[in-house]
Amino acid sequence: MTHVLIGYARCSTDKQDLEAQRQALIQLGVAPDRIYTDKGFTGTNRARPGLDQALAAVRSGDTLVVPKLDRLARSVPDARAIGDALAIRGVKLQLGASVHDPTDPMGKLFFVTLPPVLPSF
């Protein structure tokens, strides 16, 4: 079985450019046709079509790759909910170069020790 890297990138306004995030994902090994994006969506809005597509694309054993945690979620409860949903499905979460495997004790610990407030950029 082949394990696939699925990328996700987001910017909050239509005026921002996703290219730096796309290039970071490609450098991390994500194929360009496996990158899902949301442009003009704040991270506090959980209803994001690109994120929904990325989450639908990952299968057990795959890895969801995001350049930084704040591109995935802007609140601890949302990040935990996404992480829990990935873990239940056996999907790894990669933030930059750090891979968090739900079957690994350190990967589980990651979501328990999320920072109380995610930095804003």
PDB file of N, CA and C in Angstrom:
ATOM      1  N   MET A   1       0.832  -1.180   0.000  1.00  0.00           N
ATOM      2  CA  MET A   1       0.000   0.000   0.000  1.00  0.00           C
ATOM      3  C   MET A   1       0.880   1.249   0.000  1.00  0.00           C
ATOM      4  N   THR A   2       0.561   2.186  -0.852  1.00  0.00           N
ATOM      5  CA  THR A   2       1.310   3.431  -0.949  1.00  0.00           C
ATOM      6  C   THR A   2       0.739   4.460   0.022  1.00  0.00           C
ATOM      7  N   HIS A   3       1.616   5.095   0.774  1.00  0.00           N
ATOM      8  CA  HIS A   3       1.203   6.152   1.683  1.00  0.00           C
ATOM      9  C   HIS A   3       1.386   7.480   0.973  1.00  0.00           C
ATOM     10  N   VAL A   4       0.341   8.284   0.972  1.00  0.00           N
ATOM     11  CA  VAL A   4       0.313   9.512   0.194  1.00  0.00           C
ATOM     12  C   VAL A   4       0.448  10.719   1.111  1.00  0.00           C
ATOM     13  N   LEU A   5       1.152  11.736   0.628  1.00  0.00           N
ATOM     14  CA  LEU A   5       1.220  13.024   1.311  1.00  0.00           C
ATOM     15  C   LEU A   5       0.175  13.933   0.683  1.00  0.00           C
ATOM     16  N   ILE A   6      -0.722  14.459   1.519  1.00  0.00           N
ATOM     17  CA  ILE A   6      -1.750  15.402   1.082  1.00  0.00           C
ATOM     18  C   ILE A   6      -1.427  16.729   1.733  1.00  0.00           C
ATOM     19  N   GLY A   7      -1.324  17.791   0.942  1.00  0.00           N
ATOM     20  CA  GLY A   7      -0.970  19.100   1.472  1.00  0.00           C
ATOM     21  C   GLY A   7      -2.168  20.008   1.614  1.00  0.00           C
ATOM     22  N   TYR A   8      -2.068  20.923   2.582  1.00  0.00           N
ATOM     23  CA  TYR A   8      -3.105  21.934   2.773  1.00  0.00           C
ATOM     24  C   TYR A   8      -2.443  23.270   3.071  1.00  0.00           C
ATOM     25  N   ALA A   9      -2.909  24.318   2.376  1.00  0.00           N
ATOM     26  CA  ALA A   9      -2.414  25.679   2.585  1.00  0.00           C
ATOM     27  C   ALA A   9      -3.602  26.621   2.656  1.00  0.00           C
ATOM     28  N   ARG A  10      -3.457  27.677   3.461  1.00  0.00           N
ATOM     29  CA  ARG A  10      -4.551  28.633   3.617  1.00  0.00           C
ATOM     30  C   ARG A  10      -3.995  30.029   3.836  1.00  0.00           C
ATOM     31  N   CYS A  11      -4.676  31.011   3.257  1.00  0.00           N
ATOM     32  CA  CYS A  11      -4.401  32.402   3.590  1.00  0.00           C
ATOM     33  C   CYS A  11      -5.733  33.082   3.890  1.00  0.00           C
ATOM     34  N   SER A  12      -5.682  34.078   4.748  1.00  0.00           N
ATOM     35  CA  SER A  12      -6.897  34.681   5.280  1.00  0.00           C
ATOM     36  C   SER A  12      -7.590  35.658   4.341  1.00  0.00           C
ATOM     37  N   THR A  13      -6.842  36.268   3.442  1.00  0.00           N
ATOM     38  CA  THR A  13      -7.465  37.255   2.558  1.00  0.00           C
ATOM     39  C   THR A  13      -7.176  36.922   1.103  1.00  0.00           C
ATOM     40  N   ASP A  14      -7.999  37.451   0.228  1.00  0.00           N
ATOM     41  CA  ASP A  14      -7.800  37.243  -1.207  1.00  0.00           C
ATOM     42  C   ASP A  14      -6.539  37.928  -1.712  1.00  0.00           C
ATOM     43  N   LYS A  15      -6.044  38.935  -0.966  1.00  0.00           N
ATOM     44  CA  LYS A  15      -4.867  39.677  -1.400  1.00  0.00           C
ATOM     45  C   LYS A  15      -3.562  38.960  -1.059  1.00  0.00           C
ATOM     46  N   GLN A  16      -3.613  37.982  -0.160  1.00  0.00           N
ATOM     47  CA  GLN A  16      -2.407  37.245   0.204  1.00  0.00           C
ATOM     48  C   GLN A  16      -2.120  36.175  -0.841  1.00  0.00           C
ATOM     49  N   ASP A  17      -0.855  35.771  -0.919  1.00  0.00           N
ATOM     50  CA  ASP A  17      -0.418  34.798  -1.911  1.00  0.00           C
ATOM     51  C   ASP A  17      -0.114  33.461  -1.239  1.00  0.00           C
ATOM     52  N   LEU A  18      -0.580  32.401  -1.841  1.00  0.00           N
ATOM     53  CA  LEU A  18      -0.356  31.049  -1.326  1.00  0.00           C
ATOM     54  C   LEU A  18       0.937  30.416  -1.831  1.00  0.00           C
ATOM     55  N   GLU A  19       1.638  31.077  -2.726  1.00  0.00           N
ATOM     56  CA  GLU A  19       2.779  30.453  -3.394  1.00  0.00           C
ATOM     57  C   GLU A  19       3.873  29.999  -2.429  1.00  0.00           C
ATOM     58  N   ALA A  20       4.183  30.786  -1.413  1.00  0.00           N
ATOM     59  CA  ALA A  20       5.239  30.388  -0.464  1.00  0.00           C
ATOM     60  C   ALA A  20       4.842  29.103   0.268  1.00  0.00           C
ATOM     61  N   GLN A  21       3.576  28.997   0.643  1.00  0.00           N
ATOM     62  CA  GLN A  21       3.113  27.786   1.312  1.00  0.00           C
ATOM     63  C   GLN A  21       3.125  26.597   0.346  1.00  0.00           C
ATOM     64  N   ARG A  22       2.705  26.826  -0.897  1.00  0.00           N
ATOM     65  CA  ARG A  22       2.716  25.753  -1.894  1.00  0.00           C
ATOM     66  C   ARG A  22       4.143  25.242  -2.110  1.00  0.00           C
ATOM     67  N   GLN A  23       5.088  26.152  -2.218  1.00  0.00           N
ATOM     68  CA  GLN A  23       6.486  25.751  -2.420  1.00  0.00           C
ATOM     69  C   GLN A  23       7.021  24.996  -1.200  1.00  0.00           C
ATOM     70  N   ALA A  24       6.636  25.429  -0.005  1.00  0.00           N
ATOM     71  CA  ALA A  24       7.060  24.723   1.207  1.00  0.00           C
ATOM     72  C   ALA A  24       6.517  23.294   1.212  1.00  0.00           C
ATOM     73  N   LEU A  25       5.260  23.129   0.806  1.00  0.00           N
ATOM     74  CA  LEU A  25       4.665  21.794   0.755  1.00  0.00           C
ATOM     75  C   LEU A  25       5.365  20.913  -0.284  1.00  0.00           C
ATOM     76  N   ILE A  26       5.684  21.492  -1.434  1.00  0.00           N
ATOM     77  CA  ILE A  26       6.392  20.742  -2.480  1.00  0.00           C
ATOM     78  C   ILE A  26       7.768  20.319  -1.979  1.00  0.00           C
ATOM     79  N   GLN A  27       8.465  21.219  -1.275  1.00  0.00           N
ATOM     80  CA  GLN A  27       9.781  20.877  -0.724  1.00  0.00           C
ATOM     81  C   GLN A  27       9.678  19.785   0.334  1.00  0.00           C
ATOM     82  N   LEU A  28       8.527  19.674   0.983  1.00  0.00           N
ATOM     83  CA  LEU A  28       8.309  18.622   1.977  1.00  0.00           C
ATOM     84  C   LEU A  28       7.889  17.303   1.330  1.00  0.00           C
ATOM     85  N   GLY A  29       7.772  17.298  -0.006  1.00  0.00           N
ATOM     86  CA  GLY A  29       7.488  16.059  -0.718  1.00  0.00           C
ATOM     87  C   GLY A  29       6.067  15.889  -1.217  1.00  0.00           C
ATOM     88  N   VAL A  30       5.219  16.894  -1.049  1.00  0.00           N
ATOM     89  CA  VAL A  30       3.835  16.807  -1.513  1.00  0.00           C
ATOM     90  C   VAL A  30       3.798  17.091  -3.009  1.00  0.00           C
ATOM     91  N   ALA A  31       3.148  16.225  -3.756  1.00  0.00           N
ATOM     92  CA  ALA A  31       2.986  16.444  -5.199  1.00  0.00           C
ATOM     93  C   ALA A  31       2.065  17.644  -5.421  1.00  0.00           C
ATOM     94  N   PRO A  32       2.374  18.502  -6.391  1.00  0.00           N
ATOM     95  CA  PRO A  32       1.552  19.696  -6.623  1.00  0.00           C
ATOM     96  C   PRO A  32       0.064  19.412  -6.816  1.00  0.00           C
ATOM     97  N   ASP A  33      -0.264  18.270  -7.425  1.00  0.00           N
ATOM     98  CA  ASP A  33      -1.677  17.958  -7.638  1.00  0.00           C
ATOM     99  C   ASP A  33      -2.359  17.398  -6.398  1.00  0.00           C
ATOM    100  N   ARG A  34      -1.617  17.292  -5.307  1.00  0.00           N
ATOM    101  CA  ARG A  34      -2.180  16.802  -4.042  1.00  0.00           C
ATOM    102  C   ARG A  34      -2.227  17.909  -2.992  1.00  0.00           C
ATOM    103  N   ILE A  35      -2.145  19.165  -3.437  1.00  0.00           N
ATOM    104  CA  ILE A  35      -2.208  20.304  -2.528  1.00  0.00           C
ATOM    105  C   ILE A  35      -3.590  20.950  -2.651  1.00  0.00           C
ATOM    106  N   TYR A  36      -4.256  21.074  -1.517  1.00  0.00           N
ATOM    107  CA  TYR A  36      -5.574  21.707  -1.447  1.00  0.00           C
ATOM    108  C   TYR A  36      -5.413  23.054  -0.760  1.00  0.00           C
ATOM    109  N   THR A  37      -6.145  24.039  -1.234  1.00  0.00           N
ATOM    110  CA  THR A  37      -5.951  25.391  -0.712  1.00  0.00           C
ATOM    111  C   THR A  37      -7.278  26.079  -0.405  1.00  0.00           C
ATOM    112  N   ASP A  38      -7.181  27.049   0.486  1.00  0.00           N
ATOM    113  CA  ASP A  38      -8.271  27.973   0.768  1.00  0.00           C
ATOM    114  C   ASP A  38      -7.684  29.374   0.757  1.00  0.00           C
ATOM    115  N   LYS A  39      -8.275  30.237  -0.016  1.00  0.00           N
ATOM    116  CA  LYS A  39      -7.823  31.623  -0.091  1.00  0.00           C
ATOM    117  C   LYS A  39      -8.986  32.517   0.313  1.00  0.00           C
ATOM    118  N   GLY A  40      -8.722  33.417   1.256  1.00  0.00           N
ATOM    119  CA  GLY A  40      -9.765  34.309   1.726  1.00  0.00           C
ATOM    120  C   GLY A  40     -10.626  33.700   2.823  1.00  0.00           C
ATOM    121  N   PHE A  41     -10.094  32.669   3.501  1.00  0.00           N
ATOM    122  CA  PHE A  41     -10.807  32.024   4.603  1.00  0.00           C
ATOM    123  C   PHE A  41      -9.985  32.148   5.871  1.00  0.00           C
ATOM    124  N   THR A  42     -10.567  32.735   6.891  1.00  0.00           N
ATOM    125  CA  THR A  42      -9.884  32.808   8.171  1.00  0.00           C
ATOM    126  C   THR A  42      -9.855  31.419   8.798  1.00  0.00           C
ATOM    127  N   GLY A  43      -8.848  31.165   9.601  1.00  0.00           N
ATOM    128  CA  GLY A  43      -8.729  29.875  10.258  1.00  0.00           C
ATOM    129  C   GLY A  43      -9.787  29.645  11.316  1.00  0.00           C
ATOM    130  N   THR A  44     -10.458  30.720  11.761  1.00  0.00           N
ATOM    131  CA  THR A  44     -11.524  30.548  12.744  1.00  0.00           C
ATOM    132  C   THR A  44     -12.793  30.012  12.095  1.00  0.00           C
ATOM    133  N   ASN A  45     -12.853  30.077  10.769  1.00  0.00           N
ATOM    134  CA  ASN A  45     -13.992  29.541  10.032  1.00  0.00           C
ATOM    135  C   ASN A  45     -13.697  28.076   9.716  1.00  0.00           C
ATOM    136  N   ARG A  46     -14.390  27.162  10.358  1.00  0.00           N
ATOM    137  CA  ARG A  46     -14.130  25.734  10.140  1.00  0.00           C
ATOM    138  C   ARG A  46     -14.681  25.267   8.796  1.00  0.00           C
ATOM    139  N   ALA A  47     -15.625  25.989   8.235  1.00  0.00           N
ATOM    140  CA  ALA A  47     -16.205  25.626   6.939  1.00  0.00           C
ATOM    141  C   ALA A  47     -15.298  26.153   5.830  1.00  0.00           C
ATOM    142  N   ARG A  48     -14.292  25.343   5.478  1.00  0.00           N
ATOM    143  CA  ARG A  48     -13.340  25.718   4.431  1.00  0.00           C
ATOM    144  C   ARG A  48     -13.319  24.607   3.396  1.00  0.00           C
ATOM    145  N   PRO A  49     -13.697  24.904   2.148  1.00  0.00           N
ATOM    146  CA  PRO A  49     -13.782  23.853   1.129  1.00  0.00           C
ATOM    147  C   PRO A  49     -12.472  23.122   0.879  1.00  0.00           C
ATOM    148  N   GLY A  50     -11.356  23.838   0.831  1.00  0.00           N
ATOM    149  CA  GLY A  50     -10.063  23.194   0.577  1.00  0.00           C
ATOM    150  C   GLY A  50      -9.682  22.241   1.693  1.00  0.00           C
ATOM    151  N   LEU A  51      -9.922  22.645   2.940  1.00  0.00           N
ATOM    152  CA  LEU A  51      -9.632  21.768   4.069  1.00  0.00           C
ATOM    153  C   LEU A  51     -10.526  20.540   4.021  1.00  0.00           C
ATOM    154  N   ASP A  52     -11.797  20.748   3.728  1.00  0.00           N
ATOM    155  CA  ASP A  52     -12.713  19.607   3.623  1.00  0.00           C
ATOM    156  C   ASP A  52     -12.246  18.626   2.540  1.00  0.00           C
ATOM    157  N   GLN A  53     -11.772  19.153   1.421  1.00  0.00           N
ATOM    158  CA  GLN A  53     -11.277  18.296   0.339  1.00  0.00           C
ATOM    159  C   GLN A  53     -10.017  17.548   0.766  1.00  0.00           C
ATOM    160  N   ALA A  54      -9.112  18.244   1.451  1.00  0.00           N
ATOM    161  CA  ALA A  54      -7.879  17.605   1.923  1.00  0.00           C
ATOM    162  C   ALA A  54      -8.206  16.494   2.912  1.00  0.00           C
ATOM    163  N   LEU A  55      -9.122  16.757   3.838  1.00  0.00           N
ATOM    164  CA  LEU A  55      -9.492  15.754   4.826  1.00  0.00           C
ATOM    165  C   LEU A  55     -10.198  14.568   4.168  1.00  0.00           C
ATOM    166  N   ALA A  56     -10.948  14.831   3.116  1.00  0.00           N
ATOM    167  CA  ALA A  56     -11.614  13.747   2.391  1.00  0.00           C
ATOM    168  C   ALA A  56     -10.609  12.917   1.590  1.00  0.00           C
ATOM    169  N   ALA A  57      -9.501  13.530   1.195  1.00  0.00           N
ATOM    170  CA  ALA A  57      -8.518  12.850   0.343  1.00  0.00           C
ATOM    171  C   ALA A  57      -7.604  11.912   1.125  1.00  0.00           C
ATOM    172  N   VAL A  58      -7.377  12.190   2.409  1.00  0.00           N
ATOM    173  CA  VAL A  58      -6.452  11.353   3.180  1.00  0.00           C
ATOM    174  C   VAL A  58      -7.111  10.045   3.579  1.00  0.00           C
ATOM    175  N   ARG A  59      -6.313   8.995   3.526  1.00  0.00           N
ATOM    176  CA  ARG A  59      -6.749   7.645   3.894  1.00  0.00           C
ATOM    177  C   ARG A  59      -5.833   7.128   5.006  1.00  0.00           C
ATOM    178  N   SER A  60      -6.214   6.050   5.618  1.00  0.00           N
ATOM    179  CA  SER A  60      -5.400   5.446   6.665  1.00  0.00           C
ATOM    180  C   SER A  60      -3.983   5.208   6.148  1.00  0.00           C
ATOM    181  N   GLY A  61      -2.999   5.653   6.926  1.00  0.00           N
ATOM    182  CA  GLY A  61      -1.599   5.509   6.531  1.00  0.00           C
ATOM    183  C   GLY A  61      -1.053   6.717   5.806  1.00  0.00           C
ATOM    184  N   ASP A  62      -1.934   7.600   5.302  1.00  0.00           N
ATOM    185  CA  ASP A  62      -1.496   8.822   4.621  1.00  0.00           C
ATOM    186  C   ASP A  62      -1.065   9.868   5.649  1.00  0.00           C
ATOM    187  N   THR A  63      -0.513  10.962   5.139  1.00  0.00           N
ATOM    188  CA  THR A  63      -0.086  12.071   5.982  1.00  0.00           C
ATOM    189  C   THR A  63      -0.668  13.374   5.452  1.00  0.00           C
ATOM    190  N   LEU A  64      -1.331  14.133   6.338  1.00  0.00           N
ATOM    191  CA  LEU A  64      -1.773  15.476   6.000  1.00  0.00           C
ATOM    192  C   LEU A  64      -0.629  16.412   6.348  1.00  0.00           C
ATOM    193  N   VAL A  65      -0.141  17.159   5.353  1.00  0.00           N
ATOM    194  CA  VAL A  65       1.014  18.035   5.529  1.00  0.00           C
ATOM    195  C   VAL A  65       0.549  19.486   5.475  1.00  0.00           C
ATOM    196  N   VAL A  66       0.913  20.253   6.505  1.00  0.00           N
ATOM    197  CA  VAL A  66       0.562  21.671   6.602  1.00  0.00           C
ATOM    198  C   VAL A  66       1.847  22.419   6.933  1.00  0.00           C
ATOM    199  N   PRO A  67       2.103  23.564   6.283  1.00  0.00           N
ATOM    200  CA  PRO A  67       3.358  24.277   6.563  1.00  0.00           C
ATOM    201  C   PRO A  67       3.530  24.649   8.037  1.00  0.00           C
ATOM    202  N   LYS A  68       2.430  25.123   8.675  1.00  0.00           N
ATOM    203  CA  LYS A  68       2.467  25.515  10.084  1.00  0.00           C
ATOM    204  C   LYS A  68       1.098  25.246  10.696  1.00  0.00           C
ATOM    205  N   LEU A  69       1.073  25.038  11.992  1.00  0.00           N
ATOM    206  CA  LEU A  69      -0.170  24.732  12.690  1.00  0.00           C
ATOM    207  C   LEU A  69      -1.231  25.812  12.494  1.00  0.00           C
ATOM    208  N   ASP A  70      -0.819  27.078  12.466  1.00  0.00           N
ATOM    209  CA  ASP A  70      -1.822  28.135  12.347  1.00  0.00           C
ATOM    210  C   ASP A  70      -2.485  28.176  10.963  1.00  0.00           C
ATOM    211  N   ARG A  71      -1.957  27.474   9.989  1.00  0.00           N
ATOM    212  CA  ARG A  71      -2.618  27.363   8.689  1.00  0.00           C
ATOM    213  C   ARG A  71      -3.750  26.342   8.747  1.00  0.00           C
ATOM    214  N   LEU A  72      -3.662  25.399   9.685  1.00  0.00           N
ATOM    215  CA  LEU A  72      -4.671  24.359   9.846  1.00  0.00           C
ATOM    216  C   LEU A  72      -5.822  24.838  10.724  1.00  0.00           C
ATOM    217  N   ALA A  73      -5.495  25.461  11.851  1.00  0.00           N
ATOM    218  CA  ALA A  73      -6.516  25.876  12.808  1.00  0.00           C
ATOM    219  C   ALA A  73      -6.036  27.095  13.580  1.00  0.00           C
ATOM    220  N   ARG A  74      -6.980  27.904  14.015  1.00  0.00           N
ATOM    221  CA  ARG A  74      -6.645  29.101  14.783  1.00  0.00           C
ATOM    222  C   ARG A  74      -7.116  29.000  16.228  1.00  0.00           C
ATOM    223  N   SER A  75      -7.636  27.841  16.610  1.00  0.00           N
ATOM    224  CA  SER A  75      -8.032  27.644  17.998  1.00  0.00           C
ATOM    225  C   SER A  75      -7.596  26.247  18.430  1.00  0.00           C
ATOM    226  N   VAL A  76      -7.322  26.108  19.716  1.00  0.00           N
ATOM    227  CA  VAL A  76      -6.901  24.822  20.240  1.00  0.00           C
ATOM    228  C   VAL A  76      -8.011  23.780  20.092  1.00  0.00           C
ATOM    229  N   PRO A  77      -9.260  24.118  20.416  1.00  0.00           N
ATOM    230  CA  PRO A  77     -10.307  23.104  20.236  1.00  0.00           C
ATOM    231  C   PRO A  77     -10.436  22.628  18.786  1.00  0.00           C
ATOM    232  N   ASP A  78     -10.311  23.537  17.832  1.00  0.00           N
ATOM    233  CA  ASP A  78     -10.413  23.147  16.423  1.00  0.00           C
ATOM    234  C   ASP A  78      -9.227  22.274  16.015  1.00  0.00           C
ATOM    235  N   ALA A  79      -8.026  22.649  16.445  1.00  0.00           N
ATOM    236  CA  ALA A  79      -6.841  21.842  16.123  1.00  0.00           C
ATOM    237  C   ALA A  79      -6.961  20.452  16.733  1.00  0.00           C
ATOM    238  N   ARG A  80      -7.450  20.388  17.948  1.00  0.00           N
ATOM    239  CA  ARG A  80      -7.631  19.085  18.597  1.00  0.00           C
ATOM    240  C   ARG A  80      -8.690  18.257  17.886  1.00  0.00           C
ATOM    241  N   ALA A  81      -9.780  18.896  17.481  1.00  0.00           N
ATOM    242  CA  ALA A  81     -10.844  18.167  16.779  1.00  0.00           C
ATOM    243  C   ALA A  81     -10.331  17.587  15.466  1.00  0.00           C
ATOM    244  N   ILE A  82      -9.580  18.391  14.720  1.00  0.00           N
ATOM    245  CA  ILE A  82      -9.017  17.910  13.453  1.00  0.00           C
ATOM    246  C   ILE A  82      -8.023  16.790  13.727  1.00  0.00           C
ATOM    247  N   GLY A  83      -7.145  17.004  14.717  1.00  0.00           N
ATOM    248  CA  GLY A  83      -6.158  15.977  15.068  1.00  0.00           C
ATOM    249  C   GLY A  83      -6.808  14.680  15.518  1.00  0.00           C
ATOM    250  N   ASP A  84      -7.847  14.778  16.321  1.00  0.00           N
ATOM    251  CA  ASP A  84      -8.551  13.579  16.780  1.00  0.00           C
ATOM    252  C   ASP A  84      -9.192  12.846  15.610  1.00  0.00           C
ATOM    253  N   ALA A  85      -9.795  13.602  14.690  1.00  0.00           N
ATOM    254  CA  ALA A  85     -10.430  12.983  13.519  1.00  0.00           C
ATOM    255  C   ALA A  85      -9.389  12.274  12.655  1.00  0.00           C
ATOM    256  N   LEU A  86      -8.210  12.880  12.511  1.00  0.00           N
ATOM    257  CA  LEU A  86      -7.137  12.242  11.743  1.00  0.00           C
ATOM    258  C   LEU A  86      -6.650  10.979  12.451  1.00  0.00           C
ATOM    259  N   ALA A  87      -6.481  11.057  13.770  1.00  0.00           N
ATOM    260  CA  ALA A  87      -5.977   9.918  14.533  1.00  0.00           C
ATOM    261  C   ALA A  87      -6.935   8.730  14.441  1.00  0.00           C
ATOM    262  N   ILE A  88      -8.222   8.994  14.535  1.00  0.00           N
ATOM    263  CA  ILE A  88      -9.216   7.922  14.441  1.00  0.00           C
ATOM    264  C   ILE A  88      -9.103   7.204  13.103  1.00  0.00           C
ATOM    265  N   ARG A  89      -8.774   7.964  12.068  1.00  0.00           N
ATOM    266  CA  ARG A  89      -8.660   7.394  10.718  1.00  0.00           C
ATOM    267  C   ARG A  89      -7.267   6.835  10.426  1.00  0.00           C
ATOM    268  N   GLY A  90      -6.328   6.972  11.368  1.00  0.00           N
ATOM    269  CA  GLY A  90      -4.973   6.454  11.156  1.00  0.00           C
ATOM    270  C   GLY A  90      -4.151   7.311  10.224  1.00  0.00           C
ATOM    271  N   VAL A  91      -4.410   8.623  10.230  1.00  0.00           N
ATOM    272  CA  VAL A  91      -3.712   9.572   9.365  1.00  0.00           C
ATOM    273  C   VAL A  91      -2.699  10.354  10.196  1.00  0.00           C
ATOM    274  N   LYS A  92      -1.487  10.466   9.701  1.00  0.00           N
ATOM    275  CA  LYS A  92      -0.452  11.253  10.367  1.00  0.00           C
ATOM    276  C   LYS A  92      -0.652  12.726  10.032  1.00  0.00           C
ATOM    277  N   LEU A  93      -0.175  13.594  10.924  1.00  0.00           N
ATOM    278  CA  LEU A  93      -0.206  15.036  10.698  1.00  0.00           C
ATOM    279  C   LEU A  93       1.227  15.532  10.686  1.00  0.00           C
ATOM    280  N   GLN A  94       1.600  16.190   9.603  1.00  0.00           N
ATOM    281  CA  GLN A  94       2.944  16.751   9.487  1.00  0.00           C
ATOM    282  C   GLN A  94       2.823  18.263   9.482  1.00  0.00           C
ATOM    283  N   LEU A  95       3.496  18.910  10.444  1.00  0.00           N
ATOM    284  CA  LEU A  95       3.548  20.367  10.537  1.00  0.00           C
ATOM    285  C   LEU A  95       4.964  20.781  10.204  1.00  0.00           C
ATOM    286  N   GLY A  96       5.152  21.341   9.023  1.00  0.00           N
ATOM    287  CA  GLY A  96       6.512  21.604   8.565  1.00  0.00           C
ATOM    288  C   GLY A  96       7.241  20.284   8.446  1.00  0.00           C
ATOM    289  N   ALA A  97       8.392  20.172   9.076  1.00  0.00           N
ATOM    290  CA  ALA A  97       9.173  18.942   8.995  1.00  0.00           C
ATOM    291  C   ALA A  97       8.843  17.952  10.113  1.00  0.00           C
ATOM    292  N   SER A  98       7.972  18.334  11.058  1.00  0.00           N
ATOM    293  CA  SER A  98       7.635  17.476  12.199  1.00  0.00           C
ATOM    294  C   SER A  98       6.418  16.620  11.900  1.00  0.00           C
ATOM    295  N   VAL A  99       6.591  15.304  11.966  1.00  0.00           N
ATOM    296  CA  VAL A  99       5.489  14.375  11.717  1.00  0.00           C
ATOM    297  C   VAL A  99       4.958  13.864  13.051  1.00  0.00           C
ATOM    298  N   HIS A 100       3.639  13.929  13.205  1.00  0.00           N
ATOM    299  CA  HIS A 100       2.974  13.468  14.414  1.00  0.00           C
ATOM    300  C   HIS A 100       2.114  12.267  14.045  1.00  0.00           C
ATOM    301  N   ASP A 101       2.550  11.101  14.495  1.00  0.00           N
ATOM    302  CA  ASP A 101       1.914   9.834  14.166  1.00  0.00           C
ATOM    303  C   ASP A 101       0.950   9.459  15.291  1.00  0.00           C
ATOM    304  N   PRO A 102      -0.334   9.261  14.985  1.00  0.00           N
ATOM    305  CA  PRO A 102      -1.306   8.961  16.039  1.00  0.00           C
ATOM    306  C   PRO A 102      -1.073   7.616  16.721  1.00  0.00           C
ATOM    307  N   THR A 103      -0.264   6.756  16.127  1.00  0.00           N
ATOM    308  CA  THR A 103       0.021   5.466  16.752  1.00  0.00           C
ATOM    309  C   THR A 103       1.244   5.534  17.659  1.00  0.00           C
ATOM    310  N   ASP A 104       1.906   6.670  17.667  1.00  0.00           N
ATOM    311  CA  ASP A 104       3.124   6.871  18.447  1.00  0.00           C
ATOM    312  C   ASP A 104       2.783   7.672  19.710  1.00  0.00           C
ATOM    313  N   PRO A 105       3.316   7.308  20.865  1.00  0.00           N
ATOM    314  CA  PRO A 105       3.019   8.055  22.090  1.00  0.00           C
ATOM    315  C   PRO A 105       3.357   9.547  21.992  1.00  0.00           C
ATOM    316  N   MET A 106       4.448   9.895  21.320  1.00  0.00           N
ATOM    317  CA  MET A 106       4.809  11.318  21.177  1.00  0.00           C
ATOM    318  C   MET A 106       3.815  12.048  20.279  1.00  0.00           C
ATOM    319  N   GLY A 107       3.299  11.367  19.279  1.00  0.00           N
ATOM    320  CA  GLY A 107       2.284  11.970  18.423  1.00  0.00           C
ATOM    321  C   GLY A 107       1.015  12.261  19.195  1.00  0.00           C
ATOM    322  N   LYS A 108       0.614  11.334  20.049  1.00  0.00           N
ATOM    323  CA  LYS A 108      -0.566  11.553  20.897  1.00  0.00           C
ATOM    324  C   LYS A 108      -0.330  12.705  21.860  1.00  0.00           C
ATOM    325  N   LEU A 109       0.867  12.748  22.419  1.00  0.00           N
ATOM    326  CA  LEU A 109       1.208  13.806  23.370  1.00  0.00           C
ATOM    327  C   LEU A 109       1.128  15.189  22.738  1.00  0.00           C
ATOM    328  N   PHE A 110       1.441  15.270  21.461  1.00  0.00           N
ATOM    329  CA  PHE A 110       1.433  16.559  20.768  1.00  0.00           C
ATOM    330  C   PHE A 110       0.093  17.280  20.942  1.00  0.00           C
ATOM    331  N   PHE A 111      -1.014  16.572  20.751  1.00  0.00           N
ATOM    332  CA  PHE A 111      -2.316  17.221  20.817  1.00  0.00           C
ATOM    333  C   PHE A 111      -2.763  17.510  22.241  1.00  0.00           C
ATOM    334  N   VAL A 112      -2.207  16.796  23.197  1.00  0.00           N
ATOM    335  CA  VAL A 112      -2.529  17.066  24.591  1.00  0.00           C
ATOM    336  C   VAL A 112      -1.825  18.339  25.055  1.00  0.00           C
ATOM    337  N   THR A 113      -0.669  18.619  24.473  1.00  0.00           N
ATOM    338  CA  THR A 113       0.139  19.754  24.922  1.00  0.00           C
ATOM    339  C   THR A 113       0.130  20.922  23.948  1.00  0.00           C
ATOM    340  N   LEU A 114      -0.917  21.054  23.154  1.00  0.00           N
ATOM    341  CA  LEU A 114      -1.009  22.200  22.254  1.00  0.00           C
ATOM    342  C   LEU A 114      -0.915  23.489  23.060  1.00  0.00           C
ATOM    343  N   PRO A 115      -0.309  24.517  22.490  1.00  0.00           N
ATOM    344  CA  PRO A 115      -0.202  25.781  23.216  1.00  0.00           C
ATOM    345  C   PRO A 115      -1.582  26.356  23.485  1.00  0.00           C
ATOM    346  N   PRO A 116      -1.756  27.107  24.586  1.00  0.00           N
ATOM    347  CA  PRO A 116      -3.067  27.656  24.917  1.00  0.00           C
ATOM    348  C   PRO A 116      -3.585  28.661  23.888  1.00  0.00           C
ATOM    349  N   VAL A 117      -2.707  29.368  23.209  1.00  0.00           N
ATOM    350  CA  VAL A 117      -3.113  30.321  22.188  1.00  0.00           C
ATOM    351  C   VAL A 117      -2.191  30.164  21.000  1.00  0.00           C
ATOM    352  N   LEU A 118      -2.753  30.017  19.820  1.00  0.00           N
ATOM    353  CA  LEU A 118      -1.938  29.904  18.620  1.00  0.00           C
ATOM    354  C   LEU A 118      -1.515  31.307  18.186  1.00  0.00           C
ATOM    355  N   PRO A 119      -0.258  31.488  17.776  1.00  0.00           N
ATOM    356  CA  PRO A 119       0.190  32.818  17.361  1.00  0.00           C
ATOM    357  C   PRO A 119      -0.527  33.260  16.092  1.00  0.00           C
ATOM    358  N   SER A 120      -0.729  34.559  15.976  1.00  0.00           N
ATOM    359  CA  SER A 120      -1.353  35.089  14.763  1.00  0.00           C
ATOM    360  C   SER A 120      -0.292  35.673  13.846  1.00  0.00           C
ATOM    361  N   PHE A 121      -0.471  35.462  12.565  1.00  0.00           N
ATOM    362  CA  PHE A 121       0.482  35.956  11.568  1.00  0.00           C
ATOM    363  C   PHE A 121      -0.241  36.740  10.528  1.00  0.00           C
TER     364      PHE A 121
END
